[in-house]
Structures are given as structure tokens and as C-alpha cells.
């Protein structure tokens, strides 16, 4: 049985991480190690982890807070096994997640990763599935790089990857403070086909800081991706459409001059 390295980055999430850890430990696929990368927490996270008795847990504490991408990259370097899965400290996995995904990825040697939808609950109580059934299957599996240039369908806690894909394409960009997952999955789907399971095997907590809390980081990441993937965007005939979308959204927020200048800077650097 192939083993998996599961990576949970965390920072001051003592009150929620316990359930996330337990959802991993409860997996029907038991051949894994669980790396908990503590990104310099100032709460009592370490004490909580030490109370959990399971030999599969490896707790790694970073000396200072460097951000989620740096923490995940530490986990990738420390991972012992050829398959890697990411979990967030406030999300929950269904018990069969690893089992079902490992069955798919081991039987499809050409794919770089396998992922699934996740469920989340809005403030009004409505349950959402992302991506939902309105997204065509051909945009969610196989060679989806073109579609990923338009939108990200892969949630980080839903993905199980071959470690070689991360090593060959590079890990998470630590200079981005937003959309670092989309940026990574763009690089991976540019080189590898992906597999998709229709069943939602992850429940995501929407209490995390979102784009609305990091507007500058969001636009910096979008401009970076536009510049980095300009050639492909032009080849597919969607560069103008994506650029227009980014600039129009910036105009609605009253920050068009700043974003326009940022985009011009990145395009000149590419």
C-alpha cells in the first residue's frame, strides 16, 4: 500500500484544529503520516497536539510566522512519501477521502493530481458545492490548463498530488499573499492532466480571511498570473477578456489606476 504525506499548516488555530486533525486520523486509508506545520503560533497549539496520541503525527514548529505558503513548502520538503495531500486547520475531510483518491491516482499514472468538490455553508445557511454541477466535466478533469486560466476549480484541501509534480513545477510561491493555490495549480495543470471525483469529500469552513481582507494581495496575484501566462492567454485568445475582467473589477472598487500600473509593471517584467 502506497503511503501519503498529509500536510496541515496552522497559525493560532488551537480552537479549531483538533477537529481537522481528527478528520484526517479517521481516514479509512490508514497509510499516511500527518505533518502539522506550526507557523509560529502564539497560542497553546503545541500543547494541544502533544495530547493527541497517534504515531503518524509529526509536529514541526517554525521559529516565526512566515505565511501559509512557506509552511506548506516546509511540509513538502519534510514529506517522506511520494503522494502529498493538503488539509487546512479548520476544514474537515470525509472518512473515505484518501481511500477514494488514492484508488484513482494509482490507477491513472499519467495524472499529476486528483481532486474533488468541497462543500461550504454560507452565512445564510445555504449549502454550496464548489465547483458545482454547472461547470462542465471537461473543464474539471483531463487537460484543464486553458480553463484554469479563467478560474480555479481546485481547492487546496481537496487535492492529492504526486510529490514529483510539486518538485518539478515548484511549490507554493511565498511572495504571494493571496491566490497562491490557484497560481500553483496553474503551473501543475500546464504540465499534467488531472483527475476529478464528483463526490464532495471535504467540508470547508468559510470563516478564513478571504479576498475581501486582502485586496492588494488579490490583484498582485492576478497581475502576476496574467504576466506569467501571457503567451498561453494570447494563444487561446482570452488575454483581452481576462485583462478586461481584472481591470473592470478594480474600477468598481475605485483602484483602477493602482491595478493598471501594477499590471503594466508585471507585463514589462515578464
C-alpha atoms as a PDB file:
ATOM      1  CA  UNK A   1       0.000   0.000   0.000  1.00  0.00           C
ATOM      2  CA  UNK A   2       1.384   3.408  -1.036  1.00  0.00           C
ATOM      3  CA  UNK A   3       1.683   5.959   1.763  1.00  0.00           C
ATOM      4  CA  UNK A   4       0.638   9.617   1.788  1.00  0.00           C
ATOM      5  CA  UNK A   5       2.134  12.663   3.495  1.00  0.00           C
ATOM      6  CA  UNK A   6      -0.700  14.889   4.744  1.00  0.00           C
ATOM      7  CA  UNK A   7       0.293  18.484   5.485  1.00  0.00           C
ATOM      8  CA  UNK A   8      -1.634  20.854   7.758  1.00  0.00           C
ATOM      9  CA  UNK A   9      -0.232  24.378   8.128  1.00  0.00           C
ATOM     10  CA  UNK A  10      -1.566  26.205  11.170  1.00  0.00           C
ATOM     11  CA  UNK A  11      -1.252  29.530  12.939  1.00  0.00           C
ATOM     12  CA  UNK A  12      -3.112  30.257  16.162  1.00  0.00           C
ATOM     13  CA  UNK A  13      -5.931  27.806  15.386  1.00  0.00           C
ATOM     14  CA  UNK A  14      -5.977  25.854  18.657  1.00  0.00           C
ATOM     15  CA  UNK A  15      -9.743  26.193  18.934  1.00  0.00           C
ATOM     16  CA  UNK A  16     -10.479  24.538  15.575  1.00  0.00           C
ATOM     17  CA  UNK A  17      -7.526  22.423  14.500  1.00  0.00           C
ATOM     18  CA  UNK A  18      -8.469  19.475  16.697  1.00  0.00           C
ATOM     19  CA  UNK A  19     -11.478  18.572  14.540  1.00  0.00           C
ATOM     20  CA  UNK A  20      -9.428  18.976  11.360  1.00  0.00           C
ATOM     21  CA  UNK A  21      -6.733  16.635  12.688  1.00  0.00           C
ATOM     22  CA  UNK A  22      -9.321  14.083  13.781  1.00  0.00           C
ATOM     23  CA  UNK A  23     -10.913  14.073  10.323  1.00  0.00           C
ATOM     24  CA  UNK A  24      -7.517  13.021   8.942  1.00  0.00           C
ATOM     25  CA  UNK A  25      -6.865  10.416  11.622  1.00  0.00           C
ATOM     26  CA  UNK A  26     -10.314   8.927  10.942  1.00  0.00           C
ATOM     27  CA  UNK A  27      -9.476   8.128   7.317  1.00  0.00           C
ATOM     28  CA  UNK A  28     -10.306   4.607   6.123  1.00  0.00           C
ATOM     29  CA  UNK A  29      -6.980   4.744   4.253  1.00  0.00           C
ATOM     30  CA  UNK A  30      -4.557   4.485   7.155  1.00  0.00           C
ATOM     31  CA  UNK A  31      -1.163   4.532   5.392  1.00  0.00           C
ATOM     32  CA  UNK A  32      -0.148   8.134   5.949  1.00  0.00           C
ATOM     33  CA  UNK A  33       1.919  10.496   8.027  1.00  0.00           C
ATOM     34  CA  UNK A  34       0.390  13.744   9.264  1.00  0.00           C
ATOM     35  CA  UNK A  35       2.748  16.724   9.281  1.00  0.00           C
ATOM     36  CA  UNK A  36       1.441  19.623  11.328  1.00  0.00           C
ATOM     37  CA  UNK A  37       3.463  22.711  10.438  1.00  0.00           C
ATOM     38  CA  UNK A  38       3.010  25.282  13.193  1.00  0.00           C
ATOM     39  CA  UNK A  39       3.778  28.635  11.604  1.00  0.00           C
ATOM     40  CA  UNK A  40       4.946  30.341  14.793  1.00  0.00           C
ATOM     41  CA  UNK A  41       1.676  30.143  16.760  1.00  0.00           C
ATOM     42  CA  UNK A  42       1.485  32.196  19.962  1.00  0.00           C
ATOM     43  CA  UNK A  43      -1.443  30.246  21.403  1.00  0.00           C
ATOM     44  CA  UNK A  44      -1.237  26.804  23.005  1.00  0.00           C
ATOM     45  CA  UNK A  45      -1.336  24.827  19.749  1.00  0.00           C
ATOM     46  CA  UNK A  46       1.723  22.740  20.604  1.00  0.00           C
ATOM     47  CA  UNK A  47       0.231  21.576  23.907  1.00  0.00           C
ATOM     48  CA  UNK A  48      -2.953  20.506  22.117  1.00  0.00           C
ATOM     49  CA  UNK A  49      -1.028  18.499  19.526  1.00  0.00           C
ATOM     50  CA  UNK A  50       1.066  16.813  22.194  1.00  0.00           C
ATOM     51  CA  UNK A  51      -2.105  15.481  23.811  1.00  0.00           C
ATOM     52  CA  UNK A  52      -3.070  13.535  20.668  1.00  0.00           C
ATOM     53  CA  UNK A  53      -1.613  10.053  20.801  1.00  0.00           C
ATOM     54  CA  UNK A  54      -1.048   8.828  17.257  1.00  0.00           C
ATOM     55  CA  UNK A  55       2.351   7.746  15.920  1.00  0.00           C
ATOM     56  CA  UNK A  56       1.507   9.095  12.463  1.00  0.00           C
ATOM     57  CA  UNK A  57       1.639  12.716  13.656  1.00  0.00           C
ATOM     58  CA  UNK A  58       4.793  14.770  13.148  1.00  0.00           C
ATOM     59  CA  UNK A  59       4.694  18.226  14.727  1.00  0.00           C
ATOM     60  CA  UNK A  60       7.087  20.806  13.266  1.00  0.00           C
ATOM     61  CA  UNK A  61       7.193  24.258  14.800  1.00  0.00           C
ATOM     62  CA  UNK A  62       8.629  27.157  12.787  1.00  0.00           C
ATOM     63  CA  UNK A  63      10.537  29.798  14.767  1.00  0.00           C
ATOM     64  CA  UNK A  64       8.499  32.674  13.320  1.00  0.00           C
ATOM     65  CA  UNK A  65       5.371  33.264  11.283  1.00  0.00           C
ATOM     66  CA  UNK A  66       6.201  33.182   7.571  1.00  0.00           C
ATOM     67  CA  UNK A  67       2.802  32.591   5.998  1.00  0.00           C
ATOM     68  CA  UNK A  68       0.827  29.606   4.779  1.00  0.00           C
ATOM     69  CA  UNK A  69       2.845  29.097   1.592  1.00  0.00           C
ATOM     70  CA  UNK A  70       6.133  28.900   3.480  1.00  0.00           C
ATOM     71  CA  UNK A  71       4.593  26.489   5.976  1.00  0.00           C
ATOM     72  CA  UNK A  72       3.265  24.237   3.213  1.00  0.00           C
ATOM     73  CA  UNK A  73       6.649  24.300   1.483  1.00  0.00           C
ATOM     74  CA  UNK A  74       8.322  23.152   4.696  1.00  0.00           C
ATOM     75  CA  UNK A  75       5.828  20.298   4.773  1.00  0.00           C
ATOM     76  CA  UNK A  76       6.669  19.350   1.187  1.00  0.00           C
ATOM     77  CA  UNK A  77      10.394  19.246   1.997  1.00  0.00           C
ATOM     78  CA  UNK A  78       9.780  17.162   5.117  1.00  0.00           C
ATOM     79  CA  UNK A  79       7.351  14.754   3.438  1.00  0.00           C
ATOM     80  CA  UNK A  80       8.562  11.153   3.412  1.00  0.00           C
ATOM     81  CA  UNK A  81       6.197   9.764   0.812  1.00  0.00           C
ATOM     82  CA  UNK A  82       5.509  10.064  -2.924  1.00  0.00           C
ATOM     83  CA  UNK A  83       1.958  11.331  -2.521  1.00  0.00           C
ATOM     84  CA  UNK A  84       1.007  14.563  -0.773  1.00  0.00           C
ATOM     85  CA  UNK A  85      -2.343  15.873   0.418  1.00  0.00           C
ATOM     86  CA  UNK A  86      -3.044  19.262   1.975  1.00  0.00           C
ATOM     87  CA  UNK A  87      -5.539  19.937   4.715  1.00  0.00           C
ATOM     88  CA  UNK A  88      -6.454  23.270   6.307  1.00  0.00           C
ATOM     89  CA  UNK A  89      -6.636  23.678  10.052  1.00  0.00           C
ATOM     90  CA  UNK A  90     -10.377  24.429  10.061  1.00  0.00           C
ATOM     91  CA  UNK A  91     -11.658  22.129   7.299  1.00  0.00           C
ATOM     92  CA  UNK A  92     -12.972  18.591   7.567  1.00  0.00           C
ATOM     93  CA  UNK A  93     -12.364  15.533   5.402  1.00  0.00           C
ATOM     94  CA  UNK A  94     -14.905  12.793   4.918  1.00  0.00           C
ATOM     95  CA  UNK A  95     -13.561   9.446   6.095  1.00  0.00           C
ATOM     96  CA  UNK A  96     -13.139   7.985   2.603  1.00  0.00           C
ATOM     97  CA  UNK A  97     -11.277  10.921   1.017  1.00  0.00           C
ATOM     98  CA  UNK A  98      -7.795   9.414   0.893  1.00  0.00           C
ATOM     99  CA  UNK A  99      -9.049   5.937   0.049  1.00  0.00           C
ATOM    100  CA  UNK A 100     -11.067   7.062  -2.958  1.00  0.00           C
ATOM    101  CA  UNK A 101      -8.438   9.483  -4.231  1.00  0.00           C
ATOM    102  CA  UNK A 102      -5.549   7.045  -3.863  1.00  0.00           C
ATOM    103  CA  UNK A 103      -7.507   4.464  -5.832  1.00  0.00           C
ATOM    104  CA  UNK A 104      -7.872   6.936  -8.699  1.00  0.00           C
ATOM    105  CA  UNK A 105      -4.335   8.326  -8.771  1.00  0.00           C
ATOM    106  CA  UNK A 106      -2.613   4.952  -8.512  1.00  0.00           C
ATOM    107  CA  UNK A 107      -4.688   3.615 -11.401  1.00  0.00           C
ATOM    108  CA  UNK A 108      -4.078   6.684 -13.606  1.00  0.00           C
ATOM    109  CA  UNK A 109      -0.323   7.077 -13.732  1.00  0.00           C
ATOM    110  CA  UNK A 110      -0.404   9.997 -16.179  1.00  0.00           C
ATOM    111  CA  UNK A 111      -2.292  12.420 -13.901  1.00  0.00           C
ATOM    112  CA  UNK A 112      -0.484  14.800 -11.605  1.00  0.00           C
ATOM    113  CA  UNK A 113      -3.257  15.159  -9.074  1.00  0.00           C
ATOM    114  CA  UNK A 114      -6.775  14.111  -8.220  1.00  0.00           C
ATOM    115  CA  UNK A 115      -9.281  16.422  -6.562  1.00  0.00           C
ATOM    116  CA  UNK A 116     -12.968  16.715  -5.751  1.00  0.00           C
ATOM    117  CA  UNK A 117     -15.556  19.392  -4.936  1.00  0.00           C
ATOM    118  CA  UNK A 118     -15.873  20.800  -1.451  1.00  0.00           C
ATOM    119  CA  UNK A 119     -18.991  21.793   0.438  1.00  0.00           C
ATOM    120  CA  UNK A 120     -19.334  25.019   2.407  1.00  0.00           C
ATOM    121  CA  UNK A 121     -22.132  26.814   4.191  1.00  0.00           C
ATOM    122  CA  UNK A 122     -22.871  30.489   3.594  1.00  0.00           C
ATOM    123  CA  UNK A 123     -23.795  32.871   6.374  1.00  0.00           C
ATOM    124  CA  UNK A 124     -27.483  32.479   5.482  1.00  0.00           C
ATOM    125  CA  UNK A 125     -27.225  28.721   5.982  1.00  0.00           C
ATOM    126  CA  UNK A 126     -27.241  27.789   2.299  1.00  0.00           C
ATOM    127  CA  UNK A 127     -25.050  24.782   1.484  1.00  0.00           C
ATOM    128  CA  UNK A 128     -22.858  25.252  -1.585  1.00  0.00           C
ATOM    129  CA  UNK A 129     -20.790  22.782  -3.605  1.00  0.00           C
ATOM    130  CA  UNK A 130     -17.658  24.140  -5.339  1.00  0.00           C
ATOM    131  CA  UNK A 131     -17.256  23.574  -8.219  1.00  0.00           C
ATOM    132  CA  UNK A 132     -20.918  22.811  -8.761  1.00  0.00           C
ATOM    133  CA  UNK A 133     -22.641  20.855 -11.492  1.00  0.00           C
ATOM    134  CA  UNK A 134     -22.893  23.878 -13.775  1.00  0.00           C
ATOM    135  CA  UNK A 135     -19.177  23.562 -14.559  1.00  0.00           C
ATOM    136  CA  UNK A 136     -18.805  21.073 -17.452  1.00  0.00           C
ATOM    137  CA  UNK A 137     -16.854  17.919 -16.650  1.00  0.00           C
ATOM    138  CA  UNK A 138     -14.317  18.656 -19.408  1.00  0.00           C
ATOM    139  CA  UNK A 139     -13.382  21.829 -17.526  1.00  0.00           C
ATOM    140  CA  UNK A 140     -12.701  19.875 -14.333  1.00  0.00           C
ATOM    141  CA  UNK A 141     -10.678  16.881 -15.499  1.00  0.00           C
ATOM    142  CA  UNK A 142      -8.042  15.994 -18.072  1.00  0.00           C
ATOM    143  CA  UNK A 143      -6.023  18.820 -19.610  1.00  0.00           C
ATOM    144  CA  UNK A 144      -7.730  21.795 -17.962  1.00  0.00           C
ATOM    145  CA  UNK A 145      -4.958  24.398 -18.160  1.00  0.00           C
ATOM    146  CA  UNK A 146      -6.956  26.649 -20.508  1.00  0.00           C
ATOM    147  CA  UNK A 147      -9.938  26.588 -18.173  1.00  0.00           C
ATOM    148  CA  UNK A 148      -7.729  27.199 -15.140  1.00  0.00           C
ATOM    149  CA  UNK A 149      -6.523  30.404 -16.776  1.00  0.00           C
ATOM    150  CA  UNK A 150     -10.093  31.635 -16.455  1.00  0.00           C
ATOM    151  CA  UNK A 151     -10.979  30.310 -12.999  1.00  0.00           C
ATOM    152  CA  UNK A 152      -9.675  27.965 -10.343  1.00  0.00           C
ATOM    153  CA  UNK A 153     -11.747  24.848  -9.697  1.00  0.00           C
ATOM    154  CA  UNK A 154      -9.233  23.123  -7.380  1.00  0.00           C
ATOM    155  CA  UNK A 155      -9.473  23.685  -3.633  1.00  0.00           C
ATOM    156  CA  UNK A 156      -6.190  23.006  -1.859  1.00  0.00           C
ATOM    157  CA  UNK A 157      -7.678  20.682   0.831  1.00  0.00           C
ATOM    158  CA  UNK A 158      -9.417  18.676  -1.919  1.00  0.00           C
ATOM    159  CA  UNK A 159      -6.231  17.831  -3.827  1.00  0.00           C
ATOM    160  CA  UNK A 160      -3.996  14.779  -3.595  1.00  0.00           C
ATOM    161  CA  UNK A 161      -0.810  15.143  -5.641  1.00  0.00           C
ATOM    162  CA  UNK A 162       2.229  13.235  -6.747  1.00  0.00           C
ATOM    163  CA  UNK A 163       5.206  14.706  -4.925  1.00  0.00           C
ATOM    164  CA  UNK A 164       7.174  14.737  -8.187  1.00  0.00           C
ATOM    165  CA  UNK A 165       4.710  17.280  -9.608  1.00  0.00           C
ATOM    166  CA  UNK A 166       5.454  19.675  -6.780  1.00  0.00           C
ATOM    167  CA  UNK A 167       9.188  19.138  -7.114  1.00  0.00           C
ATOM    168  CA  UNK A 168       9.194  19.622 -10.896  1.00  0.00           C
ATOM    169  CA  UNK A 169       6.876  22.641 -11.011  1.00  0.00           C
ATOM    170  CA  UNK A 170       7.977  24.183  -7.738  1.00  0.00           C
ATOM    171  CA  UNK A 171       5.990  24.581  -4.543  1.00  0.00           C
ATOM    172  CA  UNK A 172       3.854  27.486  -3.380  1.00  0.00           C
ATOM    173  CA  UNK A 173       5.117  30.988  -4.167  1.00  0.00           C
ATOM    174  CA  UNK A 174       5.948  32.558  -0.844  1.00  0.00           C
ATOM    175  CA  UNK A 175       5.907  36.109  -2.195  1.00  0.00           C
ATOM    176  CA  UNK A 176       2.170  35.927  -2.929  1.00  0.00           C
ATOM    177  CA  UNK A 177      -0.231  36.614  -0.069  1.00  0.00           C
ATOM    178  CA  UNK A 178      -3.365  35.616  -1.982  1.00  0.00           C
ATOM    179  CA  UNK A 179      -4.396  33.092  -4.661  1.00  0.00           C
ATOM    180  CA  UNK A 180      -1.193  31.113  -4.057  1.00  0.00           C
ATOM    181  CA  UNK A 181      -3.155  27.896  -4.586  1.00  0.00           C
ATOM    182  CA  UNK A 182      -4.527  28.988  -7.967  1.00  0.00           C
ATOM    183  CA  UNK A 183      -1.038  30.056  -9.059  1.00  0.00           C
ATOM    184  CA  UNK A 184       0.405  26.664  -8.112  1.00  0.00           C
ATOM    185  CA  UNK A 185      -2.347  24.669  -9.792  1.00  0.00           C
ATOM    186  CA  UNK A 186      -1.901  26.728 -12.959  1.00  0.00           C
ATOM    187  CA  UNK A 187       1.708  25.555 -13.152  1.00  0.00           C
ATOM    188  CA  UNK A 188       0.730  21.960 -12.477  1.00  0.00           C
ATOM    189  CA  UNK A 189      -2.146  21.813 -14.989  1.00  0.00           C
ATOM    190  CA  UNK A 190       0.134  23.391 -17.579  1.00  0.00           C
ATOM    191  CA  UNK A 191       2.233  20.212 -17.454  1.00  0.00           C
ATOM    192  CA  UNK A 192      -0.049  17.444 -16.190  1.00  0.00           C
ATOM    193  CA  UNK A 193      -3.619  16.223 -16.739  1.00  0.00           C
ATOM    194  CA  UNK A 194      -5.722  15.919 -13.598  1.00  0.00           C
ATOM    195  CA  UNK A 195      -8.413  13.529 -12.359  1.00  0.00           C
ATOM    196  CA  UNK A 196     -11.682  14.595 -10.744  1.00  0.00           C
ATOM    197  CA  UNK A 197     -14.034  12.808  -8.356  1.00  0.00           C
ATOM    198  CA  UNK A 198     -17.619  14.063  -8.485  1.00  0.00           C
ATOM    199  CA  UNK A 199     -18.254  13.375  -4.796  1.00  0.00           C
ATOM    200  CA  UNK A 200     -17.623  16.232  -2.346  1.00  0.00           C
ATOM    201  CA  UNK A 201     -15.202  14.747   0.188  1.00  0.00           C
ATOM    202  CA  UNK A 202     -14.271  17.967   2.008  1.00  0.00           C
ATOM    203  CA  UNK A 203     -16.273  20.438   4.091  1.00  0.00           C
ATOM    204  CA  UNK A 204     -14.636  23.874   4.032  1.00  0.00           C
ATOM    205  CA  UNK A 205     -15.061  26.493   6.721  1.00  0.00           C
ATOM    206  CA  UNK A 206     -15.621  29.933   5.231  1.00  0.00           C
ATOM    207  CA  UNK A 207     -14.515  31.782   8.359  1.00  0.00           C
ATOM    208  CA  UNK A 208     -10.988  32.101   6.993  1.00  0.00           C
ATOM    209  CA  UNK A 209      -9.803  35.522   5.845  1.00  0.00           C
ATOM    210  CA  UNK A 210     -10.903  35.850   2.257  1.00  0.00           C
ATOM    211  CA  UNK A 211     -10.101  38.033  -0.714  1.00  0.00           C
ATOM    212  CA  UNK A 212     -12.094  40.914   0.789  1.00  0.00           C
ATOM    213  CA  UNK A 213      -9.481  41.123   3.563  1.00  0.00           C
ATOM    214  CA  UNK A 214      -6.532  41.236   1.163  1.00  0.00           C
ATOM    215  CA  UNK A 215      -7.471  43.298  -1.882  1.00  0.00           C
ATOM    216  CA  UNK A 216      -3.914  44.326  -2.719  1.00  0.00           C
ATOM    217  CA  UNK A 217      -2.693  40.724  -2.475  1.00  0.00           C
ATOM    218  CA  UNK A 218      -5.501  39.548  -4.717  1.00  0.00           C
ATOM    219  CA  UNK A 219      -4.694  41.983  -7.515  1.00  0.00           C
ATOM    220  CA  UNK A 220      -0.971  41.458  -7.185  1.00  0.00           C
ATOM    221  CA  UNK A 221      -1.531  37.732  -7.699  1.00  0.00           C
ATOM    222  CA  UNK A 222      -3.900  38.238 -10.630  1.00  0.00           C
ATOM    223  CA  UNK A 223      -1.462  40.607 -12.360  1.00  0.00           C
ATOM    224  CA  UNK A 224       1.400  38.201 -11.726  1.00  0.00           C
ATOM    225  CA  UNK A 225      -0.537  35.311 -13.270  1.00  0.00           C
ATOM    226  CA  UNK A 226      -1.590  37.416 -16.247  1.00  0.00           C
ATOM    227  CA  UNK A 227       2.013  38.296 -16.984  1.00  0.00           C
ATOM    228  CA  UNK A 228       3.422  34.827 -16.329  1.00  0.00           C
ATOM    229  CA  UNK A 229       0.846  33.089 -18.544  1.00  0.00           C
ATOM    230  CA  UNK A 230       0.505  35.855 -21.139  1.00  0.00           C
ATOM    231  CA  UNK A 231       1.735  33.690 -24.011  1.00  0.00           C
ATOM    232  CA  UNK A 232      -0.852  30.996 -23.320  1.00  0.00           C
ATOM    233  CA  UNK A 233      -3.619  33.541 -22.779  1.00  0.00           C
ATOM    234  CA  UNK A 234      -2.820  35.065 -26.159  1.00  0.00           C
ATOM    235  CA  UNK A 235      -2.610  31.648 -27.790  1.00  0.00           C
ATOM    236  CA  UNK A 236      -6.078  30.748 -26.507  1.00  0.00           C
ATOM    237  CA  UNK A 237      -7.431  34.166 -27.477  1.00  0.00           C
ATOM    238  CA  UNK A 238      -8.512  35.079 -23.955  1.00  0.00           C
ATOM    239  CA  UNK A 239      -5.846  37.565 -22.856  1.00  0.00           C
ATOM    240  CA  UNK A 240      -8.040  40.603 -23.557  1.00  0.00           C
ATOM    241  CA  UNK A 241     -11.057  39.085 -21.824  1.00  0.00           C
ATOM    242  CA  UNK A 242      -9.156  38.180 -18.667  1.00  0.00           C
ATOM    243  CA  UNK A 243      -7.394  41.543 -18.568  1.00  0.00           C
ATOM    244  CA  UNK A 244     -10.711  43.342 -19.007  1.00  0.00           C
ATOM    245  CA  UNK A 245     -12.261  41.341 -16.174  1.00  0.00           C
ATOM    246  CA  UNK A 246      -9.422  42.215 -13.800  1.00  0.00           C
ATOM    247  CA  UNK A 247      -9.424  45.924 -14.661  1.00  0.00           C
ATOM    248  CA  UNK A 248     -13.216  46.257 -14.552  1.00  0.00           C
ATOM    249  CA  UNK A 249     -13.357  44.725 -11.094  1.00  0.00           C
ATOM    250  CA  UNK A 250     -10.602  47.108  -9.966  1.00  0.00           C
ATOM    251  CA  UNK A 251     -12.566  50.046 -11.370  1.00  0.00           C
ATOM    252  CA  UNK A 252     -15.628  49.011  -9.366  1.00  0.00           C
ATOM    253  CA  UNK A 253     -13.500  49.175  -6.223  1.00  0.00           C
ATOM    254  CA  UNK A 254     -12.067  52.557  -7.158  1.00  0.00           C
ATOM    255  CA  UNK A 255      -8.484  51.291  -7.511  1.00  0.00           C
ATOM    256  CA  UNK A 256      -8.148  51.132 -11.307  1.00  0.00           C
ATOM    257  CA  UNK A 257      -5.043  53.378 -11.572  1.00  0.00           C
ATOM    258  CA  UNK A 258      -3.159  51.323  -8.988  1.00  0.00           C
ATOM    259  CA  UNK A 259      -4.059  47.973 -10.541  1.00  0.00           C
ATOM    260  CA  UNK A 260      -3.431  49.201 -14.073  1.00  0.00           C
ATOM    261  CA  UNK A 261       0.039  50.345 -13.037  1.00  0.00           C
ATOM    262  CA  UNK A 262       0.680  47.064 -11.261  1.00  0.00           C
ATOM    263  CA  UNK A 263      -0.337  45.072 -14.337  1.00  0.00           C
ATOM    264  CA  UNK A 264       1.869  47.178 -16.594  1.00  0.00           C
ATOM    265  CA  UNK A 265       4.816  46.612 -14.250  1.00  0.00           C
ATOM    266  CA  UNK A 266       4.390  42.820 -14.257  1.00  0.00           C
ATOM    267  CA  UNK A 267       3.933  42.691 -18.026  1.00  0.00           C
ATOM    268  CA  UNK A 268       7.160  44.629 -18.512  1.00  0.00           C
ATOM    269  CA  UNK A 269       8.987  42.208 -16.217  1.00  0.00           C
ATOM    270  CA  UNK A 270       7.760  39.074 -17.999  1.00  0.00           C
END
